[in-house]
Each structure stands twice: as structure tokens, then as C-alpha cells.
N, C-alpha and C. Protein backbone atom coordinates (compact mmCIF):
# COMPACT_ATOMS: atom_id res chain seq x y z
N MET A 1 -50.81 -106.44 -116.04
CA MET A 1 -49.62 -107.43 -116.00
C MET A 1 -48.25 -106.07 -115.29
N SER A 2 -49.22 -104.88 -115.19
CA SER A 2 -48.67 -103.84 -115.17
C SER A 2 -47.14 -104.16 -114.14
N ASN A 3 -46.72 -103.40 -113.48
CA ASN A 3 -46.09 -103.83 -111.42
C ASN A 3 -46.80 -102.57 -111.27
N PRO A 4 -47.36 -101.78 -110.03
CA PRO A 4 -47.75 -100.17 -109.90
C PRO A 4 -46.54 -100.06 -108.90
N ASP A 5 -45.19 -101.52 -108.28
CA ASP A 5 -44.27 -100.83 -107.90
C ASP A 5 -43.40 -100.38 -108.56
N SER A 6 -43.04 -100.66 -110.38
CA SER A 6 -42.43 -99.38 -111.13
C SER A 6 -42.74 -97.72 -111.52
N PHE A 7 -43.94 -98.21 -111.05
CA PHE A 7 -43.77 -95.91 -111.32
C PHE A 7 -43.85 -95.35 -109.87
N SER A 8 -43.80 -95.71 -109.72
CA SER A 8 -42.71 -94.96 -108.45
C SER A 8 -41.77 -94.23 -109.13
N ASP A 9 -40.25 -94.87 -108.84
CA ASP A 9 -39.48 -93.75 -109.32
C ASP A 9 -39.91 -92.94 -111.06
N ASN A 10 -40.73 -92.85 -111.46
CA ASN A 10 -41.32 -91.76 -112.13
C ASN A 10 -42.08 -91.44 -112.01
N GLU A 11 -42.87 -91.03 -110.77
CA GLU A 11 -43.19 -89.42 -109.55
C GLU A 11 -42.67 -88.23 -109.04
N ASP A 12 -41.72 -88.66 -109.13
CA ASP A 12 -40.51 -87.59 -109.14
C ASP A 12 -40.70 -86.85 -110.56
N ILE A 13 -40.27 -87.91 -112.00
CA ILE A 13 -39.57 -86.86 -113.04
C ILE A 13 -41.67 -86.38 -114.01
N GLU A 14 -42.21 -86.80 -113.50
CA GLU A 14 -43.78 -86.75 -114.37
C GLU A 14 -44.92 -85.60 -113.54
N TYR A 15 -43.75 -85.46 -111.56
CA TYR A 15 -44.93 -84.70 -111.64
C TYR A 15 -43.59 -82.54 -111.89
N GLY A 16 -42.04 -83.79 -111.30
CA GLY A 16 -41.07 -82.28 -111.99
C GLY A 16 -41.57 -82.12 -110.80
N ILE A 17 -40.15 -82.58 -110.03
CA ILE A 17 -39.60 -81.85 -108.79
C ILE A 17 -38.37 -81.69 -108.80
N CYS A 18 -37.96 -80.12 -108.88
CA CYS A 18 -36.92 -79.26 -108.53
C CYS A 18 -35.98 -79.82 -107.87
N PRO A 19 -34.38 -80.33 -108.98
CA PRO A 19 -33.79 -80.80 -107.76
C PRO A 19 -32.63 -80.17 -107.00
N SER A 20 -32.12 -78.25 -107.42
CA SER A 20 -31.67 -77.41 -106.78
C SER A 20 -32.74 -77.95 -105.27
N CYS A 21 -33.99 -77.81 -104.81
CA CYS A 21 -34.53 -76.93 -104.15
C CYS A 21 -35.27 -77.73 -103.07
N ARG A 22 -36.01 -79.23 -103.56
CA ARG A 22 -36.58 -80.47 -104.06
C ARG A 22 -38.07 -79.85 -103.54
N PHE A 23 -38.24 -78.80 -104.66
CA PHE A 23 -39.67 -77.97 -104.40
C PHE A 23 -40.81 -78.87 -106.28
N LYS A 24 -41.24 -79.12 -105.73
CA LYS A 24 -43.07 -78.96 -106.95
C LYS A 24 -42.96 -78.11 -108.09
N LEU A 25 -42.29 -78.40 -109.10
CA LEU A 25 -42.06 -77.00 -110.20
C LEU A 25 -43.63 -76.41 -110.69
N GLY A 26 -44.79 -77.73 -110.87
CA GLY A 26 -45.73 -77.12 -110.88
C GLY A 26 -46.08 -76.39 -109.80
N LEU A 27 -45.22 -75.29 -108.60
CA LEU A 27 -45.73 -75.07 -108.22
C LEU A 27 -44.77 -73.81 -107.90
N HIS A 28 -43.38 -73.51 -109.26
CA HIS A 28 -42.65 -72.90 -109.09
C HIS A 28 -42.89 -71.47 -109.68
N SER A 29 -42.33 -70.13 -109.71
CA SER A 29 -42.80 -69.69 -110.07
C SER A 29 -41.87 -69.47 -111.50
N THR A 30 -42.03 -69.15 -112.45
CA THR A 30 -41.40 -68.74 -113.38
C THR A 30 -39.03 -68.12 -113.18
N LYS A 31 -39.70 -67.17 -112.03
CA LYS A 31 -38.51 -66.77 -111.59
C LYS A 31 -37.10 -67.43 -110.81
N GLN A 32 -38.50 -68.51 -109.79
CA GLN A 32 -38.13 -69.61 -108.64
C GLN A 32 -36.82 -71.36 -109.46
N ILE A 33 -37.75 -70.58 -110.88
CA ILE A 33 -36.96 -71.99 -111.91
C ILE A 33 -35.58 -71.00 -112.07
N ILE A 34 -35.77 -70.12 -112.88
CA ILE A 34 -34.37 -69.32 -113.62
C ILE A 34 -33.11 -69.39 -112.30
N GLY A 35 -34.00 -68.92 -111.20
CA GLY A 35 -32.74 -68.66 -109.89
C GLY A 35 -32.38 -69.82 -109.43
N CYS A 36 -33.42 -71.12 -109.59
CA CYS A 36 -32.82 -72.79 -108.74
C CYS A 36 -31.83 -73.01 -110.60
N ALA A 37 -32.10 -72.95 -111.17
CA ALA A 37 -31.32 -72.92 -112.56
C ALA A 37 -29.52 -72.75 -113.04
N ILE A 38 -29.95 -70.80 -112.52
CA ILE A 38 -28.71 -69.81 -112.35
C ILE A 38 -27.76 -71.27 -111.52
N LYS A 39 -28.69 -71.43 -110.19
CA LYS A 39 -27.43 -72.22 -108.51
C LYS A 39 -27.16 -72.90 -109.54
N ASP A 40 -27.91 -74.52 -110.28
CA ASP A 40 -27.26 -75.57 -110.67
C ASP A 40 -25.99 -74.65 -111.93
N ILE A 41 -26.57 -73.92 -112.23
CA ILE A 41 -24.94 -73.87 -113.85
C ILE A 41 -24.25 -73.73 -113.52
N ARG A 42 -24.56 -72.46 -112.57
CA ARG A 42 -23.00 -71.77 -110.97
C ARG A 42 -22.53 -72.91 -109.89
N SER A 43 -22.85 -73.71 -109.43
CA SER A 43 -22.48 -74.71 -109.07
C SER A 43 -21.36 -75.95 -110.01
N VAL A 44 -22.70 -76.72 -111.16
CA VAL A 44 -21.21 -77.24 -112.12
C VAL A 44 -20.19 -76.29 -112.39
N LEU A 45 -20.62 -75.17 -112.74
CA LEU A 45 -19.05 -74.59 -113.10
C LEU A 45 -17.94 -74.20 -112.30
N GLY A 46 -18.75 -74.97 -110.98
CA GLY A 46 -17.64 -73.84 -109.86
C GLY A 46 -17.52 -72.14 -109.28
N VAL A 47 -18.00 -72.23 -109.68
CA VAL A 47 -18.73 -70.00 -109.44
C VAL A 47 -19.24 -70.28 -108.75
N GLU A 48 -18.48 -69.66 -107.42
CA GLU A 48 -19.55 -69.11 -106.48
C GLU A 48 -20.51 -68.00 -106.49
N ASN A 49 -21.64 -68.53 -105.43
CA ASN A 49 -22.23 -67.00 -105.74
C ASN A 49 -21.57 -65.11 -104.80
N LYS A 50 -21.27 -64.67 -105.27
CA LYS A 50 -20.55 -63.58 -104.95
C LYS A 50 -21.97 -62.41 -104.84
């Protein structure tokens, strides 16, 4: 009874797409994950990269 279309929206979450650079998190190195996280935090706080 499951609708296959209902799973299409969850693919990004399941495979973990980085919201910052749209790269698959499974292929991200730790350094890339930290870099993207810092970039996202700075953008939320309104701090410019210098």
C-alpha cells in the first residue's frame, strides 16, 4: 500500500546531501563537513568570511 512517490523527498535526507554545497555527505571528508558547518554557522550569524 506504500506509495513509491512518497519516498522521493526522503532521498536527500537518507543519503545526506550537504545543504551548503549540495555534495553527498557520504563522500564528504571530515574537513569538508567542518568547513561547510562553519560556513553555515557564519552565514546564520551574519559574520562575513575575512
